[in-house]
N, C-alpha and C. Protein backbone atom coordinates (compact mmCIF):
# COMPACT_ATOMS: atom_id res chain seq x y z
N MET A 1 12.20 -29.65 -1.95
CA MET A 1 11.00 -29.06 -1.41
C MET A 1 11.08 -27.54 -1.53
N LYS A 2 10.01 -26.94 -2.02
CA LYS A 2 10.00 -25.49 -2.23
C LYS A 2 9.20 -24.80 -1.14
N ASN A 3 9.65 -23.61 -0.81
CA ASN A 3 8.99 -22.76 0.16
C ASN A 3 8.23 -21.67 -0.58
N THR A 4 7.13 -21.22 -0.01
CA THR A 4 6.40 -20.11 -0.60
C THR A 4 6.73 -18.85 0.17
N LYS A 5 7.24 -17.87 -0.52
CA LYS A 5 7.50 -16.54 0.03
C LYS A 5 6.63 -15.56 -0.73
N PHE A 6 6.69 -14.29 -0.38
CA PHE A 6 5.82 -13.32 -1.00
C PHE A 6 6.57 -12.05 -1.37
N VAL A 7 6.13 -11.42 -2.45
CA VAL A 7 6.55 -10.07 -2.79
C VAL A 7 5.29 -9.22 -2.77
N VAL A 8 5.46 -7.93 -2.55
CA VAL A 8 4.32 -7.02 -2.51
C VAL A 8 4.32 -6.20 -3.78
N LYS A 9 3.26 -6.37 -4.57
CA LYS A 9 3.09 -5.66 -5.83
C LYS A 9 2.14 -4.50 -5.59
N VAL A 10 2.48 -3.31 -6.09
CA VAL A 10 1.68 -2.12 -5.85
C VAL A 10 1.27 -1.51 -7.18
N ASN A 11 -0.04 -1.36 -7.37
CA ASN A 11 -0.58 -0.67 -8.53
C ASN A 11 -0.99 0.72 -8.10
N ARG A 12 -0.54 1.71 -8.84
CA ARG A 12 -0.89 3.09 -8.48
C ARG A 12 -2.04 3.62 -9.32
N GLY A 13 -2.64 2.79 -10.15
CA GLY A 13 -3.76 3.22 -10.97
C GLY A 13 -3.29 3.87 -12.25
N GLY A 14 -4.22 4.06 -13.15
CA GLY A 14 -3.86 4.69 -14.42
C GLY A 14 -3.06 3.76 -15.30
N THR A 15 -2.16 4.33 -16.08
CA THR A 15 -1.39 3.54 -17.03
C THR A 15 0.01 3.22 -16.53
N ARG A 16 0.32 3.55 -15.31
CA ARG A 16 1.65 3.28 -14.76
C ARG A 16 1.86 1.78 -14.57
N ALA A 17 3.09 1.37 -14.78
CA ALA A 17 3.45 -0.03 -14.57
C ALA A 17 3.43 -0.34 -13.08
N PRO A 18 3.11 -1.58 -12.71
CA PRO A 18 3.13 -1.94 -11.29
C PRO A 18 4.56 -1.87 -10.74
N GLU A 19 4.66 -1.59 -9.45
CA GLU A 19 5.94 -1.55 -8.77
C GLU A 19 5.95 -2.59 -7.66
N TYR A 20 7.13 -2.95 -7.23
CA TYR A 20 7.31 -3.94 -6.17
C TYR A 20 8.11 -3.32 -5.03
N VAL A 21 7.84 -3.77 -3.81
CA VAL A 21 8.57 -3.28 -2.64
C VAL A 21 9.99 -3.83 -2.69
N GLN A 22 10.97 -2.92 -2.63
CA GLN A 22 12.37 -3.33 -2.67
C GLN A 22 13.00 -3.32 -1.28
N ARG A 23 12.69 -2.30 -0.47
CA ARG A 23 13.22 -2.21 0.90
C ARG A 23 12.15 -1.67 1.81
N ILE A 24 12.14 -2.18 3.06
CA ILE A 24 11.15 -1.69 4.02
C ILE A 24 11.80 -1.13 5.27
N ASP A 25 13.13 -1.08 5.29
CA ASP A 25 13.81 -0.63 6.51
C ASP A 25 13.94 0.88 6.62
N ARG A 26 13.48 1.60 5.63
CA ARG A 26 13.54 3.07 5.67
C ARG A 26 12.18 3.66 5.38
N THR A 27 12.02 4.89 5.74
CA THR A 27 10.80 5.62 5.41
C THR A 27 11.15 6.69 4.41
N PRO A 28 10.53 6.81 3.29
CA PRO A 28 9.44 5.96 2.79
C PRO A 28 9.97 4.63 2.28
N ILE A 29 9.05 3.69 2.11
CA ILE A 29 9.41 2.37 1.59
C ILE A 29 9.93 2.52 0.17
N ARG A 30 11.02 1.85 -0.12
CA ARG A 30 11.64 1.95 -1.45
C ARG A 30 10.98 0.97 -2.41
N MET A 31 10.65 1.45 -3.62
CA MET A 31 9.96 0.65 -4.63
C MET A 31 10.86 0.45 -5.84
N THR A 32 10.56 -0.59 -6.63
CA THR A 32 11.26 -0.86 -7.88
C THR A 32 10.28 -1.38 -8.91
N ALA A 33 10.56 -1.14 -10.18
CA ALA A 33 9.72 -1.64 -11.26
C ALA A 33 10.13 -3.06 -11.67
N HIS A 34 11.26 -3.53 -11.19
CA HIS A 34 11.78 -4.84 -11.56
C HIS A 34 11.45 -5.88 -10.51
N ARG A 35 10.69 -6.89 -10.91
CA ARG A 35 10.28 -7.92 -9.95
C ARG A 35 11.48 -8.69 -9.40
N THR A 36 12.53 -8.85 -10.20
CA THR A 36 13.70 -9.60 -9.74
C THR A 36 14.42 -8.89 -8.60
N LEU A 37 14.22 -7.58 -8.46
CA LEU A 37 14.84 -6.82 -7.37
C LEU A 37 13.92 -6.69 -6.16
N ALA A 38 12.72 -7.25 -6.25
CA ALA A 38 11.75 -7.12 -5.17
C ALA A 38 12.21 -7.90 -3.94
N LEU A 39 11.82 -7.40 -2.80
CA LEU A 39 12.13 -8.04 -1.53
C LEU A 39 11.24 -9.27 -1.36
N VAL A 40 11.85 -10.42 -1.16
CA VAL A 40 11.12 -11.66 -0.92
C VAL A 40 11.02 -11.83 0.59
N MET A 41 9.80 -11.95 1.10
CA MET A 41 9.62 -11.98 2.55
C MET A 41 8.57 -13.00 2.95
N GLY A 42 8.50 -13.26 4.22
CA GLY A 42 7.50 -14.16 4.76
C GLY A 42 6.12 -13.53 4.75
N ARG A 43 5.11 -14.34 4.94
CA ARG A 43 3.72 -13.86 4.84
C ARG A 43 3.41 -12.76 5.85
N PHE A 44 3.83 -12.91 7.11
CA PHE A 44 3.48 -11.90 8.13
C PHE A 44 4.16 -10.57 7.84
N THR A 45 5.41 -10.59 7.41
CA THR A 45 6.10 -9.34 7.06
C THR A 45 5.44 -8.70 5.85
N ALA A 46 5.08 -9.50 4.86
CA ALA A 46 4.43 -8.97 3.66
C ALA A 46 3.07 -8.36 4.01
N GLU A 47 2.31 -9.00 4.88
CA GLU A 47 1.01 -8.45 5.27
C GLU A 47 1.17 -7.14 6.02
N ASP A 48 2.17 -7.04 6.88
CA ASP A 48 2.45 -5.78 7.58
C ASP A 48 2.83 -4.68 6.60
N THR A 49 3.60 -5.03 5.59
CA THR A 49 4.00 -4.06 4.56
C THR A 49 2.79 -3.57 3.80
N VAL A 50 1.89 -4.48 3.43
CA VAL A 50 0.67 -4.11 2.72
C VAL A 50 -0.15 -3.12 3.55
N LYS A 51 -0.29 -3.39 4.83
CA LYS A 51 -1.07 -2.51 5.71
C LYS A 51 -0.43 -1.12 5.82
N SER A 52 0.89 -1.07 5.84
CA SER A 52 1.57 0.22 6.03
C SER A 52 1.55 1.11 4.79
N ILE A 53 1.41 0.53 3.60
CA ILE A 53 1.42 1.37 2.38
C ILE A 53 0.05 1.51 1.73
N GLN A 54 -0.97 0.98 2.36
CA GLN A 54 -2.31 1.05 1.78
C GLN A 54 -2.88 2.45 1.93
N ASN A 55 -3.28 3.04 0.83
CA ASN A 55 -4.01 4.31 0.86
C ASN A 55 -4.86 4.41 -0.39
N SER A 56 -5.45 5.54 -0.63
CA SER A 56 -6.41 5.66 -1.73
C SER A 56 -5.77 5.56 -3.12
N ARG A 57 -4.50 5.93 -3.25
CA ARG A 57 -3.85 5.89 -4.56
C ARG A 57 -3.11 4.59 -4.85
N ARG A 58 -2.79 3.85 -3.82
CA ARG A 58 -2.01 2.62 -3.99
C ARG A 58 -2.86 1.40 -3.67
N VAL A 59 -2.75 0.39 -4.49
CA VAL A 59 -3.46 -0.86 -4.27
C VAL A 59 -2.43 -1.98 -4.18
N PRO A 60 -1.98 -2.33 -2.96
CA PRO A 60 -0.98 -3.39 -2.81
C PRO A 60 -1.62 -4.78 -2.82
N GLU A 61 -0.88 -5.76 -3.30
CA GLU A 61 -1.34 -7.15 -3.24
C GLU A 61 -0.15 -8.08 -3.02
N LEU A 62 -0.41 -9.20 -2.39
CA LEU A 62 0.63 -10.20 -2.15
C LEU A 62 0.73 -11.11 -3.37
N VAL A 63 1.97 -11.33 -3.82
CA VAL A 63 2.21 -12.21 -4.94
C VAL A 63 3.08 -13.37 -4.44
N PRO A 64 2.57 -14.62 -4.48
CA PRO A 64 3.38 -15.74 -4.01
C PRO A 64 4.52 -16.07 -4.97
N VAL A 65 5.67 -16.47 -4.40
CA VAL A 65 6.85 -16.82 -5.17
C VAL A 65 7.41 -18.12 -4.61
N GLN A 66 7.68 -19.07 -5.46
CA GLN A 66 8.29 -20.34 -5.03
C GLN A 66 9.80 -20.17 -4.95
N VAL A 67 10.38 -20.44 -3.79
CA VAL A 67 11.84 -20.35 -3.62
C VAL A 67 12.40 -21.68 -3.15
């Protein structure tokens, strides 16, 4: 049986590659370009992360991952 977890993908606009949240325990939140290094978290934690990094230049979205 597989569980669904989430990673937070962030697009900064323009031609930059999307980034993923790697760590949330420090300020500022640490990002990575490698999805395999992204922090896999539960839905509520991922939603809180999305709310905390949302601004005019960043467009975060939840990406489901089967674990």
